[in-house]
Amino acid sequence: MEDHNLELAADNPCSSQLLPIGEVSRLTGVNAVTLRAWQRRFGLVIPERTPKGHRLYNAENIKQIHEINAWLAKGVAISKVKPLLMSSAKALDVASAQSQKSDIWHQQILALNAALFELDQLTFHQILDETLGLYPFQLVKQKLLHAWFAQLMPLLEPRLDVELLLAWLDSELASRIGGRLSAAGLASSPQIALVRLPYVTSQKNTEPTLASSSSLTNRLSFLVILLELAELKVTVINLGVQHISSLGLINNRLKVDALVLLPEANHSLSKQTELQTLLDTMPLACYLIGPFAPTLTALSGFIAPNVADLIGQIATAKQHHKKQHRRQKIMANAEQIQGGIVDER
């Protein structure tokens, strides 16, 4: 019912319903920090205020956020969006809107490359702070992070310092992820265990090693996934690289909502069958995700399309489980009360 009311508020400009910033963030995909920055720096999306100063957004505000997202997706910088939202500008055709575009993402990629190759910590974090603070994460992931890593891989492969650069990048992004995850660990948020399945080179090689478990593609994808999980306020237990045979040792010891696996590309059919047999017997929900997950065709039933949908599915299942538990507890208490009344008689 709550979701239905939120949709009505977004679709009906005449609705008088006012929503707090957290609900608006969930509805639009723009986090609260970014919404505040849009208002403070660019005069965009001005909400009403409660007597205590809390922001409340109406349907027109939400409609404007969706419109801003649409312009950002077309490549318009956030600093140039406001004129396009004016009533006189809404009739602009696509050709006119093109003039407002700037190659912001390409410029950011070049700046990130320079910061990485120079191991320039200050510039690196300034770029990410600015970008993640002003743009929705899904847009940053698509336009910046994925695009950057796609361009970065051929640049790194021939370099003698590739492992040094990757270690530095791991460390810098891990510092950001760690801070976000510690702030995100709420009891009501989804909790997952994250495992990277190693690169299997032969039947004899059963121990996961750094060389065999870390293709460049998966190594970079793993960092993006961790950033997105932190953005989604998911509590993550990062178990690192684990062989398939080690997963069965988890048993019931992990108190999480799901086990999420990031596989490498070369799992043979026999290894896929081994993994499927194991996942079928696991006591918790299991999913495969990442760039190579679709290559495990025998495990299609476990493959999640993307991180956001996966976490939404896990959160829904968790809420349903909590409601069932609460209902069972109420019924048990009612039976105890009824039993006490009978005993007194």
C-alpha atoms as a PDB file:
ATOM      1  CA  MET A   1       0.000   0.000   0.000  1.00  0.00           C
ATOM      2  CA  GLU A   2       2.864   2.362   0.831  1.00  0.00           C
ATOM      3  CA  ASP A   3       4.493   1.792  -2.580  1.00  0.00           C
ATOM      4  CA  HIS A   4       1.136   2.359  -4.290  1.00  0.00           C
ATOM      5  CA  ASN A   5       0.699   5.687  -2.522  1.00  0.00           C
ATOM      6  CA  LEU A   6       4.214   6.747  -3.496  1.00  0.00           C
ATOM      7  CA  GLU A   7       3.496   5.968  -7.152  1.00  0.00           C
ATOM      8  CA  LEU A   8       0.289   7.970  -7.004  1.00  0.00           C
ATOM      9  CA  ALA A   9       2.153  10.931  -5.545  1.00  0.00           C
ATOM     10  CA  ALA A  10       4.716  10.786  -8.335  1.00  0.00           C
ATOM     11  CA  ASP A  11       2.177  10.413 -11.132  1.00  0.00           C
ATOM     12  CA  ASN A  12      -0.410  12.903  -9.913  1.00  0.00           C
ATOM     13  CA  PRO A  13       0.847  16.503  -9.753  1.00  0.00           C
ATOM     14  CA  CYS A  14      -2.322  17.505  -7.906  1.00  0.00           C
ATOM     15  CA  SER A  15      -1.607  15.143  -5.058  1.00  0.00           C
ATOM     16  CA  SER A  16      -1.048  16.935  -1.777  1.00  0.00           C
ATOM     17  CA  GLN A  17       0.974  14.094  -0.286  1.00  0.00           C
ATOM     18  CA  LEU A  18       4.370  15.180   1.032  1.00  0.00           C
ATOM     19  CA  LEU A  19       7.209  12.690   1.268  1.00  0.00           C
ATOM     20  CA  PRO A  20      10.397  12.759   3.389  1.00  0.00           C
ATOM     21  CA  ILE A  21      13.754  12.758   1.660  1.00  0.00           C
ATOM     22  CA  GLY A  22      14.410   9.062   2.339  1.00  0.00           C
ATOM     23  CA  GLU A  23      11.231   7.986   0.556  1.00  0.00           C
ATOM     24  CA  VAL A  24      11.953  10.315  -2.354  1.00  0.00           C
ATOM     25  CA  SER A  25      15.445   8.867  -2.639  1.00  0.00           C
ATOM     26  CA  ARG A  26      14.031   5.345  -2.789  1.00  0.00           C
ATOM     27  CA  LEU A  27      11.440   6.377  -5.345  1.00  0.00           C
ATOM     28  CA  THR A  28      13.769   8.253  -7.707  1.00  0.00           C
ATOM     29  CA  GLY A  29      17.152   6.563  -7.270  1.00  0.00           C
ATOM     30  CA  VAL A  30      18.787   9.841  -6.209  1.00  0.00           C
ATOM     31  CA  ASN A  31      20.282   9.662  -2.739  1.00  0.00           C
ATOM     32  CA  ALA A  32      19.643  12.227  -0.037  1.00  0.00           C
ATOM     33  CA  VAL A  33      23.159  13.716  -0.200  1.00  0.00           C
ATOM     34  CA  THR A  34      22.750  14.398  -3.924  1.00  0.00           C
ATOM     35  CA  LEU A  35      19.277  15.910  -3.515  1.00  0.00           C
ATOM     36  CA  ARG A  36      20.626  18.302  -0.876  1.00  0.00           C
ATOM     37  CA  ALA A  37      23.563  19.219  -3.139  1.00  0.00           C
ATOM     38  CA  TRP A  38      21.238  19.935  -6.085  1.00  0.00           C
ATOM     39  CA  GLN A  39      19.234  22.321  -3.906  1.00  0.00           C
ATOM     40  CA  ARG A  40      22.201  23.987  -2.217  1.00  0.00           C
ATOM     41  CA  ARG A  41      24.486  24.425  -5.225  1.00  0.00           C
ATOM     42  CA  PHE A  42      22.119  24.763  -8.174  1.00  0.00           C
ATOM     43  CA  GLY A  43      18.730  25.778  -6.766  1.00  0.00           C
ATOM     44  CA  LEU A  44      17.115  22.588  -8.054  1.00  0.00           C
ATOM     45  CA  VAL A  45      14.210  20.692  -6.452  1.00  0.00           C
ATOM     46  CA  ILE A  46      13.194  23.059  -3.654  1.00  0.00           C
ATOM     47  CA  PRO A  47      11.119  21.147  -1.074  1.00  0.00           C
ATOM     48  CA  GLU A  48       8.832  22.366   1.654  1.00  0.00           C
ATOM     49  CA  ARG A  49      10.035  22.281   5.259  1.00  0.00           C
ATOM     50  CA  THR A  50       8.555  21.090   8.515  1.00  0.00           C
ATOM     51  CA  PRO A  51       8.711  23.421  11.557  1.00  0.00           C
ATOM     52  CA  LYS A  52      11.843  21.492  12.565  1.00  0.00           C
ATOM     53  CA  GLY A  53      13.449  21.995   9.163  1.00  0.00           C
ATOM     54  CA  HIS A  54      12.978  18.539   7.667  1.00  0.00           C
ATOM     55  CA  ARG A  55      12.537  18.449   3.886  1.00  0.00           C
ATOM     56  CA  LEU A  56       9.184  17.329   2.466  1.00  0.00           C
ATOM     57  CA  TYR A  57       8.772  16.775  -1.279  1.00  0.00           C
ATOM     58  CA  ASN A  58       5.557  17.034  -3.282  1.00  0.00           C
ATOM     59  CA  ALA A  59       4.619  15.362  -6.567  1.00  0.00           C
ATOM     60  CA  GLU A  60       5.948  18.273  -8.606  1.00  0.00           C
ATOM     61  CA  ASN A  61       9.331  17.937  -6.905  1.00  0.00           C
ATOM     62  CA  ILE A  62       9.430  14.236  -7.753  1.00  0.00           C
ATOM     63  CA  LYS A  63       8.445  14.942 -11.341  1.00  0.00           C
ATOM     64  CA  GLN A  64      11.291  17.461 -11.565  1.00  0.00           C
ATOM     65  CA  ILE A  65      13.786  14.918 -10.211  1.00  0.00           C
ATOM     66  CA  HIS A  66      12.784  12.460 -12.943  1.00  0.00           C
ATOM     67  CA  GLU A  67      13.187  15.210 -15.527  1.00  0.00           C
ATOM     68  CA  ILE A  68      16.638  16.084 -14.187  1.00  0.00           C
ATOM     69  CA  ASN A  69      17.620  12.419 -14.360  1.00  0.00           C
ATOM     70  CA  ALA A  70      16.507  12.320 -17.990  1.00  0.00           C
ATOM     71  CA  TRP A  71      18.720  15.300 -18.900  1.00  0.00           C
ATOM     72  CA  LEU A  72      21.676  13.825 -17.017  1.00  0.00           C
ATOM     73  CA  ALA A  73      21.261  10.540 -18.879  1.00  0.00           C
ATOM     74  CA  LYS A  74      21.510  12.509 -22.156  1.00  0.00           C
ATOM     75  CA  GLY A  75      24.898  13.844 -21.108  1.00  0.00           C
ATOM     76  CA  VAL A  76      23.947  17.285 -19.804  1.00  0.00           C
ATOM     77  CA  ALA A  77      26.029  18.380 -16.814  1.00  0.00           C
ATOM     78  CA  ILE A  78      24.083  19.015 -13.614  1.00  0.00           C
ATOM     79  CA  SER A  79      25.316  22.615 -13.616  1.00  0.00           C
ATOM     80  CA  LYS A  80      23.563  23.209 -16.971  1.00  0.00           C
ATOM     81  CA  VAL A  81      20.243  21.491 -16.259  1.00  0.00           C
ATOM     82  CA  LYS A  82      18.321  24.328 -14.620  1.00  0.00           C
ATOM     83  CA  PRO A  83      17.744  26.427 -17.799  1.00  0.00           C
ATOM     84  CA  LEU A  84      16.369  23.306 -19.517  1.00  0.00           C
ATOM     85  CA  LEU A  85      13.730  22.915 -16.809  1.00  0.00           C
ATOM     86  CA  MET A  86      12.273  26.377 -17.387  1.00  0.00           C
ATOM     87  CA  SER A  87       8.883  26.367 -19.132  1.00  0.00           C
ATOM     88  CA  SER A  88      10.260  28.250 -22.122  1.00  0.00           C
ATOM     89  CA  ALA A  89      12.941  25.619 -22.600  1.00  0.00           C
ATOM     90  CA  LYS A  90      10.731  22.553 -22.441  1.00  0.00           C
ATOM     91  CA  ALA A  91       9.856  22.909 -26.099  1.00  0.00           C
ATOM     92  CA  LEU A  92      13.517  22.634 -27.115  1.00  0.00           C
ATOM     93  CA  ASP A  93      14.095  19.892 -29.642  1.00  0.00           C
ATOM     94  CA  VAL A  94      16.893  17.360 -29.350  1.00  0.00           C
ATOM     95  CA  ALA A  95      19.216  19.370 -31.559  1.00  0.00           C
ATOM     96  CA  SER A  96      18.915  22.424 -29.316  1.00  0.00           C
ATOM     97  CA  ALA A  97      19.485  20.334 -26.198  1.00  0.00           C
ATOM     98  CA  GLN A  98      22.694  18.980 -27.709  1.00  0.00           C
ATOM     99  CA  SER A  99      24.253  22.429 -27.319  1.00  0.00           C
ATOM    100  CA  GLN A 100      23.912  22.110 -23.527  1.00  0.00           C
ATOM    101  CA  LYS A 101      25.912  18.886 -23.469  1.00  0.00           C
ATOM    102  CA  SER A 102      29.463  18.718 -22.267  1.00  0.00           C
ATOM    103  CA  ASP A 103      31.797  15.754 -22.431  1.00  0.00           C
ATOM    104  CA  ILE A 104      31.906  15.529 -18.642  1.00  0.00           C
ATOM    105  CA  TRP A 105      32.359  11.778 -18.425  1.00  0.00           C
ATOM    106  CA  HIS A 106      35.272  11.663 -20.869  1.00  0.00           C
ATOM    107  CA  GLN A 107      36.963  14.483 -18.968  1.00  0.00           C
ATOM    108  CA  GLN A 108      36.477  12.624 -15.679  1.00  0.00           C
ATOM    109  CA  ILE A 109      37.917   9.423 -17.150  1.00  0.00           C
ATOM    110  CA  LEU A 110      41.039  11.241 -18.332  1.00  0.00           C
ATOM    111  CA  ALA A 111      41.419  12.840 -14.900  1.00  0.00           C
ATOM    112  CA  LEU A 112      41.014   9.479 -13.129  1.00  0.00           C
ATOM    113  CA  ASN A 113      43.607   7.877 -15.404  1.00  0.00           C
ATOM    114  CA  ALA A 114      46.073  10.656 -14.621  1.00  0.00           C
ATOM    115  CA  ALA A 115      45.416  10.353 -10.872  1.00  0.00           C
ATOM    116  CA  LEU A 116      45.832   6.568 -10.983  1.00  0.00           C
ATOM    117  CA  PHE A 117      49.064   6.560 -12.973  1.00  0.00           C
ATOM    118  CA  GLU A 118      50.532   9.236 -10.691  1.00  0.00           C
ATOM    119  CA  LEU A 119      49.114   7.563  -7.539  1.00  0.00           C
ATOM    120  CA  ASP A 120      47.581  10.948  -6.745  1.00  0.00           C
ATOM    121  CA  GLN A 121      45.347  10.165  -3.781  1.00  0.00           C
ATOM    122  CA  LEU A 122      43.991  13.687  -3.254  1.00  0.00           C
ATOM    123  CA  THR A 123      42.895  14.246  -6.860  1.00  0.00           C
ATOM    124  CA  PHE A 124      41.490  10.728  -7.140  1.00  0.00           C
ATOM    125  CA  HIS A 125      39.155  11.185  -4.175  1.00  0.00           C
ATOM    126  CA  GLN A 126      38.215  14.747  -5.138  1.00  0.00           C
ATOM    127  CA  ILE A 127      36.962  13.473  -8.520  1.00  0.00           C
ATOM    128  CA  LEU A 128      34.946  10.650  -6.949  1.00  0.00           C
ATOM    129  CA  ASP A 129      33.590  12.871  -4.159  1.00  0.00           C
ATOM    130  CA  GLU A 130      32.374  15.451  -6.662  1.00  0.00           C
ATOM    131  CA  THR A 131      30.861  12.930  -9.063  1.00  0.00           C
ATOM    132  CA  LEU A 132      29.185  10.657  -6.519  1.00  0.00           C
ATOM    133  CA  GLY A 133      27.888  13.713  -4.658  1.00  0.00           C
ATOM    134  CA  LEU A 134      26.213  15.323  -7.692  1.00  0.00           C
ATOM    135  CA  TYR A 135      24.982  12.416  -9.812  1.00  0.00           C
ATOM    136  CA  PRO A 136      22.813   9.339  -9.129  1.00  0.00           C
ATOM    137  CA  PHE A 137      24.948   6.263  -8.539  1.00  0.00           C
ATOM    138  CA  GLN A 138      23.437   4.212 -11.371  1.00  0.00           C
ATOM    139  CA  LEU A 139      24.384   6.977 -13.818  1.00  0.00           C
ATOM    140  CA  VAL A 140      27.910   7.202 -12.379  1.00  0.00           C
ATOM    141  CA  LYS A 141      28.255   3.428 -12.612  1.00  0.00           C
ATOM    142  CA  GLN A 142      27.195   3.326 -16.257  1.00  0.00           C
ATOM    143  CA  LYS A 143      28.744   6.520 -17.612  1.00  0.00           C
ATOM    144  CA  LEU A 144      31.904   6.738 -15.516  1.00  0.00           C
ATOM    145  CA  LEU A 145      32.955   3.585 -13.670  1.00  0.00           C
ATOM    146  CA  HIS A 146      32.123   0.981 -16.322  1.00  0.00           C
ATOM    147  CA  ALA A 147      33.350   3.242 -19.116  1.00  0.00           C
ATOM    148  CA  TRP A 148      36.554   4.043 -17.228  1.00  0.00           C
ATOM    149  CA  PHE A 149      37.349   0.419 -16.449  1.00  0.00           C
ATOM    150  CA  ALA A 150      36.641  -0.623 -20.046  1.00  0.00           C
ATOM    151  CA  GLN A 151      39.193   1.940 -21.253  1.00  0.00           C
ATOM    152  CA  LEU A 152      41.573   1.209 -18.394  1.00  0.00           C
ATOM    153  CA  MET A 153      42.041  -2.514 -19.023  1.00  0.00           C
ATOM    154  CA  PRO A 154      43.986  -2.230 -22.322  1.00  0.00           C
ATOM    155  CA  LEU A 155      46.059   0.576 -20.792  1.00  0.00           C
ATOM    156  CA  LEU A 156      47.032  -1.534 -17.783  1.00  0.00           C
ATOM    157  CA  GLU A 157      47.782  -4.862 -19.464  1.00  0.00           C
ATOM    158  CA  PRO A 158      51.164  -3.908 -21.052  1.00  0.00           C
ATOM    159  CA  ARG A 159      52.430  -1.907 -18.053  1.00  0.00           C
ATOM    160  CA  LEU A 160      55.183  -3.271 -15.822  1.00  0.00           C
ATOM    161  CA  ASP A 161      53.566  -1.591 -12.808  1.00  0.00           C
ATOM    162  CA  VAL A 162      50.116  -3.099 -13.395  1.00  0.00           C
ATOM    163  CA  GLU A 163      50.044  -4.934 -10.036  1.00  0.00           C
ATOM    164  CA  LEU A 164      51.205  -1.818  -8.209  1.00  0.00           C
ATOM    165  CA  LEU A 165      48.473   0.282  -9.832  1.00  0.00           C
ATOM    166  CA  LEU A 166      45.797  -2.314  -9.118  1.00  0.00           C
ATOM    167  CA  ALA A 167      46.904  -2.664  -5.490  1.00  0.00           C
ATOM    168  CA  TRP A 168      46.732   1.117  -5.080  1.00  0.00           C
ATOM    169  CA  LEU A 169      43.301   1.251  -6.747  1.00  0.00           C
ATOM    170  CA  ASP A 170      42.059  -1.606  -4.540  1.00  0.00           C
ATOM    171  CA  SER A 171      43.279   0.234  -1.454  1.00  0.00           C
ATOM    172  CA  GLU A 172      41.809   3.624  -2.379  1.00  0.00           C
ATOM    173  CA  LEU A 173      38.401   2.270  -3.345  1.00  0.00           C
ATOM    174  CA  ALA A 174      38.365  -0.054  -0.334  1.00  0.00           C
ATOM    175  CA  SER A 175      38.819   2.971   1.930  1.00  0.00           C
ATOM    176  CA  ARG A 176      35.700   4.543   0.397  1.00  0.00           C
ATOM    177  CA  ILE A 177      33.735   1.310   0.486  1.00  0.00           C
ATOM    178  CA  GLY A 178      34.670   0.617   4.103  1.00  0.00           C
ATOM    179  CA  GLY A 179      33.370   3.996   5.269  1.00  0.00           C
ATOM    180  CA  ARG A 180      30.114   3.620   3.360  1.00  0.00           C
ATOM    181  CA  LEU A 181      29.561   0.047   4.527  1.00  0.00           C
ATOM    182  CA  SER A 182      30.140   0.906   8.188  1.00  0.00           C
ATOM    183  CA  ALA A 183      27.552   3.663   7.882  1.00  0.00           C
ATOM    184  CA  ALA A 184      25.185   1.376   6.014  1.00  0.00           C
ATOM    185  CA  GLY A 185      25.064  -1.548   8.420  1.00  0.00           C
ATOM    186  CA  LEU A 186      21.501  -1.165   9.648  1.00  0.00           C
ATOM    187  CA  ALA A 187      19.611  -4.076  11.180  1.00  0.00           C
ATOM    188  CA  SER A 188      16.759  -3.544   8.720  1.00  0.00           C
ATOM    189  CA  SER A 189      18.997  -3.487   5.645  1.00  0.00           C
ATOM    190  CA  PRO A 190      19.801  -6.606   3.599  1.00  0.00           C
ATOM    191  CA  GLN A 191      22.828  -8.547   4.766  1.00  0.00           C
ATOM    192  CA  ILE A 192      24.837 -10.646   2.324  1.00  0.00           C
ATOM    193  CA  ALA A 193      28.034 -12.662   2.149  1.00  0.00           C
ATOM    194  CA  LEU A 194      30.062 -11.964  -0.991  1.00  0.00           C
ATOM    195  CA  VAL A 195      32.425 -14.566  -2.478  1.00  0.00           C
ATOM    196  CA  ARG A 196      34.674 -14.545  -5.539  1.00  0.00           C
ATOM    197  CA  LEU A 197      34.995 -17.946  -7.206  1.00  0.00           C
ATOM    198  CA  PRO A 198      38.536 -18.561  -8.473  1.00  0.00           C
ATOM    199  CA  TYR A 199      39.873 -18.974 -11.973  1.00  0.00           C
ATOM    200  CA  VAL A 200      40.250 -22.735 -12.471  1.00  0.00           C
ATOM    201  CA  THR A 201      43.199 -23.567 -14.714  1.00  0.00           C
ATOM    202  CA  SER A 202      43.247 -27.340 -14.259  1.00  0.00           C
ATOM    203  CA  GLN A 203      41.781 -30.172 -12.236  1.00  0.00           C
ATOM    204  CA  LYS A 204      45.010 -30.324 -10.193  1.00  0.00           C
ATOM    205  CA  ASN A 205      44.862 -26.672  -9.241  1.00  0.00           C
ATOM    206  CA  THR A 206      42.353 -26.639  -6.400  1.00  0.00           C
ATOM    207  CA  GLU A 207      43.731 -23.804  -4.297  1.00  0.00           C
ATOM    208  CA  PRO A 208      42.548 -20.274  -5.106  1.00  0.00           C
ATOM    209  CA  THR A 209      45.527 -17.984  -5.608  1.00  0.00           C
ATOM    210  CA  LEU A 210      45.884 -14.319  -6.484  1.00  0.00           C
ATOM    211  CA  ALA A 211      47.083 -15.194  -9.990  1.00  0.00           C
ATOM    212  CA  SER A 212      44.324 -17.711 -10.691  1.00  0.00           C
ATOM    213  CA  SER A 213      41.403 -15.853  -9.123  1.00  0.00           C
ATOM    214  CA  SER A 214      41.778 -12.302 -10.318  1.00  0.00           C
ATOM    215  CA  SER A 215      41.212 -11.575 -13.972  1.00  0.00           C
ATOM    216  CA  LEU A 216      41.424  -7.863 -14.557  1.00  0.00           C
ATOM    217  CA  THR A 217      37.769  -7.685 -15.600  1.00  0.00           C
ATOM    218  CA  ASN A 218      36.472  -9.373 -12.465  1.00  0.00           C
ATOM    219  CA  ARG A 219      38.840  -7.522 -10.197  1.00  0.00           C
ATOM    220  CA  LEU A 220      37.538  -4.163 -11.372  1.00  0.00           C
ATOM    221  CA  SER A 221      33.924  -5.341 -11.507  1.00  0.00           C
ATOM    222  CA  PHE A 222      34.188  -6.513  -7.919  1.00  0.00           C
ATOM    223  CA  LEU A 223      35.115  -2.990  -6.789  1.00  0.00           C
ATOM    224  CA  VAL A 224      32.119  -1.487  -8.610  1.00  0.00           C
ATOM    225  CA  ILE A 225      29.810  -4.083  -7.047  1.00  0.00           C
ATOM    226  CA  LEU A 226      31.108  -3.237  -3.566  1.00  0.00           C
ATOM    227  CA  LEU A 227      30.560   0.476  -4.189  1.00  0.00           C
ATOM    228  CA  GLU A 228      27.004  -0.176  -5.354  1.00  0.00           C
ATOM    229  CA  LEU A 229      26.240  -2.395  -2.362  1.00  0.00           C
ATOM    230  CA  ALA A 230      27.453   0.378  -0.068  1.00  0.00           C
ATOM    231  CA  GLU A 231      25.284   2.892  -1.949  1.00  0.00           C
ATOM    232  CA  LEU A 232      22.286   0.571  -1.462  1.00  0.00           C
ATOM    233  CA  LYS A 233      23.022   0.403   2.289  1.00  0.00           C
ATOM    234  CA  VAL A 234      23.697  -3.327   2.235  1.00  0.00           C
ATOM    235  CA  THR A 235      25.696  -4.959   5.009  1.00  0.00           C
ATOM    236  CA  VAL A 236      28.420  -7.034   3.337  1.00  0.00           C
ATOM    237  CA  ILE A 237      30.610  -9.812   4.703  1.00  0.00           C
ATOM    238  CA  ASN A 238      33.391  -9.982   2.132  1.00  0.00           C
ATOM    239  CA  LEU A 239      34.745 -13.550   2.195  1.00  0.00           C
ATOM    240  CA  GLY A 240      37.204 -12.894  -0.607  1.00  0.00           C
ATOM    241  CA  VAL A 241      38.276 -15.739  -2.901  1.00  0.00           C
ATOM    242  CA  GLN A 242      36.875 -19.146  -1.965  1.00  0.00           C
ATOM    243  CA  HIS A 243      36.975 -22.451  -3.826  1.00  0.00           C
ATOM    244  CA  ILE A 244      33.682 -24.190  -4.588  1.00  0.00           C
ATOM    245  CA  SER A 245      34.475 -26.968  -2.091  1.00  0.00           C
ATOM    246  CA  SER A 246      34.868 -24.385   0.691  1.00  0.00           C
ATOM    247  CA  LEU A 247      31.332 -23.054   0.307  1.00  0.00           C
ATOM    248  CA  GLY A 248      29.832 -26.197   1.816  1.00  0.00           C
ATOM    249  CA  LEU A 249      31.668 -25.495   5.064  1.00  0.00           C
ATOM    250  CA  ILE A 250      29.569 -22.366   5.658  1.00  0.00           C
ATOM    251  CA  ASN A 251      26.594 -24.439   6.853  1.00  0.00           C
ATOM    252  CA  ASN A 252      24.337 -22.346   9.108  1.00  0.00           C
ATOM    253  CA  ARG A 253      27.107 -20.290  10.665  1.00  0.00           C
ATOM    254  CA  LEU A 254      26.608 -17.141   8.572  1.00  0.00           C
ATOM    255  CA  LYS A 255      23.666 -15.050   9.723  1.00  0.00           C
ATOM    256  CA  VAL A 256      22.983 -13.343   6.384  1.00  0.00           C
ATOM    257  CA  ASP A 257      20.048 -13.038   4.010  1.00  0.00           C
ATOM    258  CA  ALA A 258      21.889 -14.365   0.961  1.00  0.00           C
ATOM    259  CA  LEU A 259      25.165 -15.683  -0.425  1.00  0.00           C
ATOM    260  CA  VAL A 260      26.265 -13.803  -3.566  1.00  0.00           C
ATOM    261  CA  LEU A 261      28.936 -15.338  -5.798  1.00  0.00           C
ATOM    262  CA  LEU A 262      31.099 -13.551  -8.358  1.00  0.00           C
ATOM    263  CA  PRO A 263      32.461 -16.267 -10.696  1.00  0.00           C
ATOM    264  CA  GLU A 264      35.322 -16.258 -13.161  1.00  0.00           C
ATOM    265  CA  ALA A 265      34.756 -17.159 -16.803  1.00  0.00           C
ATOM    266  CA  ASN A 266      36.181 -20.622 -17.296  1.00  0.00           C
ATOM    267  CA  HIS A 267      34.075 -22.952 -15.164  1.00  0.00           C
ATOM    268  CA  SER A 268      33.674 -26.252 -16.997  1.00  0.00           C
ATOM    269  CA  LEU A 269      30.355 -28.044 -17.159  1.00  0.00           C
ATOM    270  CA  SER A 270      31.524 -30.479 -14.476  1.00  0.00           C
ATOM    271  CA  LYS A 271      32.428 -27.562 -12.185  1.00  0.00           C
ATOM    272  CA  GLN A 272      29.058 -25.944 -12.880  1.00  0.00           C
ATOM    273  CA  THR A 273      27.323 -29.211 -11.978  1.00  0.00           C
ATOM    274  CA  GLU A 274      29.368 -29.409  -8.766  1.00  0.00           C
ATOM    275  CA  LEU A 275      28.415 -25.846  -7.896  1.00  0.00           C
ATOM    276  CA  GLN A 276      24.733 -26.398  -8.682  1.00  0.00           C
ATOM    277  CA  THR A 277      24.599 -29.487  -6.446  1.00  0.00           C
ATOM    278  CA  LEU A 278      26.135 -27.449  -3.634  1.00  0.00           C
ATOM    279  CA  LEU A 279      23.881 -24.408  -4.057  1.00  0.00           C
ATOM    280  CA  ASP A 280      20.768 -26.605  -4.138  1.00  0.00           C
ATOM    281  CA  THR A 281      21.611 -27.810  -0.636  1.00  0.00           C
ATOM    282  CA  MET A 282      22.683 -24.487   0.863  1.00  0.00           C
ATOM    283  CA  PRO A 283      20.502 -23.324   3.804  1.00  0.00           C
ATOM    284  CA  LEU A 284      20.317 -19.741   2.476  1.00  0.00           C
ATOM    285  CA  ALA A 285      19.441 -18.040  -0.798  1.00  0.00           C
ATOM    286  CA  CYS A 286      22.308 -18.087  -3.322  1.00  0.00           C
ATOM    287  CA  TYR A 287      22.899 -15.900  -6.386  1.00  0.00           C
ATOM    288  CA  LEU A 288      25.473 -15.469  -9.141  1.00  0.00           C
ATOM    289  CA  ILE A 289      26.361 -11.996 -10.354  1.00  0.00           C
ATOM    290  CA  GLY A 290      29.051 -10.190 -12.327  1.00  0.00           C
ATOM    291  CA  PRO A 291      30.269 -10.049 -15.929  1.00  0.00           C
ATOM    292  CA  PHE A 292      30.935 -13.789 -16.190  1.00  0.00           C
ATOM    293  CA  ALA A 293      27.830 -15.074 -14.393  1.00  0.00           C
ATOM    294  CA  PRO A 294      25.865 -15.466 -17.674  1.00  0.00           C
ATOM    295  CA  THR A 295      28.582 -17.843 -18.971  1.00  0.00           C
ATOM    296  CA  LEU A 296      27.567 -20.414 -16.347  1.00  0.00           C
ATOM    297  CA  THR A 297      24.626 -21.564 -18.424  1.00  0.00           C
ATOM    298  CA  ALA A 298      23.915 -24.631 -16.292  1.00  0.00           C
ATOM    299  CA  LEU A 299      23.248 -22.311 -13.346  1.00  0.00           C
ATOM    300  CA  SER A 300      20.823 -19.901 -15.042  1.00  0.00           C
ATOM    301  CA  GLY A 301      18.336 -20.272 -12.189  1.00  0.00           C
ATOM    302  CA  PHE A 302      20.805 -18.639  -9.791  1.00  0.00           C
ATOM    303  CA  ILE A 303      21.888 -15.734 -12.007  1.00  0.00           C
ATOM    304  CA  ALA A 304      20.793 -12.245 -10.920  1.00  0.00           C
ATOM    305  CA  PRO A 305      20.336  -9.652 -13.699  1.00  0.00           C
ATOM    306  CA  ASN A 306      21.948  -6.781 -11.777  1.00  0.00           C
ATOM    307  CA  VAL A 307      22.879  -5.687  -8.276  1.00  0.00           C
ATOM    308  CA  ALA A 308      19.979  -3.271  -7.710  1.00  0.00           C
ATOM    309  CA  ASP A 309      17.297  -5.810  -8.683  1.00  0.00           C
ATOM    310  CA  LEU A 310      19.015  -8.500  -6.625  1.00  0.00           C
ATOM    311  CA  ILE A 311      19.088  -6.384  -3.478  1.00  0.00           C
ATOM    312  CA  GLY A 312      15.465  -5.363  -4.048  1.00  0.00           C
ATOM    313  CA  GLN A 313      14.522  -9.034  -4.241  1.00  0.00           C
ATOM    314  CA  ILE A 314      16.486  -9.875  -1.091  1.00  0.00           C
ATOM    315  CA  ALA A 315      14.985  -6.910   0.796  1.00  0.00           C
ATOM    316  CA  THR A 316      11.448  -7.931  -0.198  1.00  0.00           C
ATOM    317  CA  ALA A 317      12.053 -11.502   0.942  1.00  0.00           C
ATOM    318  CA  LYS A 318      13.493 -10.239   4.232  1.00  0.00           C
ATOM    319  CA  GLN A 319      10.486  -8.003   4.894  1.00  0.00           C
ATOM    320  CA  HIS A 320       8.131 -10.884   4.099  1.00  0.00           C
ATOM    321  CA  HIS A 321      10.026 -13.155   6.498  1.00  0.00           C
ATOM    322  CA  LYS A 322       9.889 -10.517   9.252  1.00  0.00           C
ATOM    323  CA  LYS A 323       6.135 -10.091   8.786  1.00  0.00           C
ATOM    324  CA  GLN A 324       5.635 -13.855   8.979  1.00  0.00           C
ATOM    325  CA  HIS A 325       7.757 -14.063  12.123  1.00  0.00           C
ATOM    326  CA  ARG A 326       5.850 -11.181  13.703  1.00  0.00           C
ATOM    327  CA  ARG A 327       2.520 -12.797  12.811  1.00  0.00           C
ATOM    328  CA  GLN A 328       3.611 -16.137  14.291  1.00  0.00           C
ATOM    329  CA  LYS A 329       4.759 -14.394  17.465  1.00  0.00           C
ATOM    330  CA  ILE A 330       1.418 -12.609  17.834  1.00  0.00           C
ATOM    331  CA  MET A 331      -0.458 -15.883  17.345  1.00  0.00           C
ATOM    332  CA  ALA A 332       1.753 -17.652  19.893  1.00  0.00           C
ATOM    333  CA  ASN A 333       1.158 -14.879  22.439  1.00  0.00           C
ATOM    334  CA  ALA A 334      -2.574 -15.026  21.799  1.00  0.00           C
ATOM    335  CA  GLU A 335      -2.557 -18.793  22.373  1.00  0.00           C
ATOM    336  CA  GLN A 336      -0.659 -18.337  25.635  1.00  0.00           C
ATOM    337  CA  ILE A 337      -3.166 -15.729  26.819  1.00  0.00           C
ATOM    338  CA  GLN A 338      -6.066 -17.942  25.813  1.00  0.00           C
ATOM    339  CA  GLY A 339      -4.449 -20.889  27.576  1.00  0.00           C
ATOM    340  CA  GLY A 340      -4.048 -18.797  30.732  1.00  0.00           C
ATOM    341  CA  ILE A 341      -7.737 -17.833  30.681  1.00  0.00           C
ATOM    342  CA  VAL A 342      -8.740 -21.489  30.318  1.00  0.00           C
ATOM    343  CA  ASP A 343      -6.466 -22.491  33.225  1.00  0.00           C
ATOM    344  CA  GLU A 344      -8.035 -19.840  35.462  1.00  0.00           C
ATOM    345  CA  ARG A 345     -11.472 -21.237  34.714  1.00  0.00           C
END
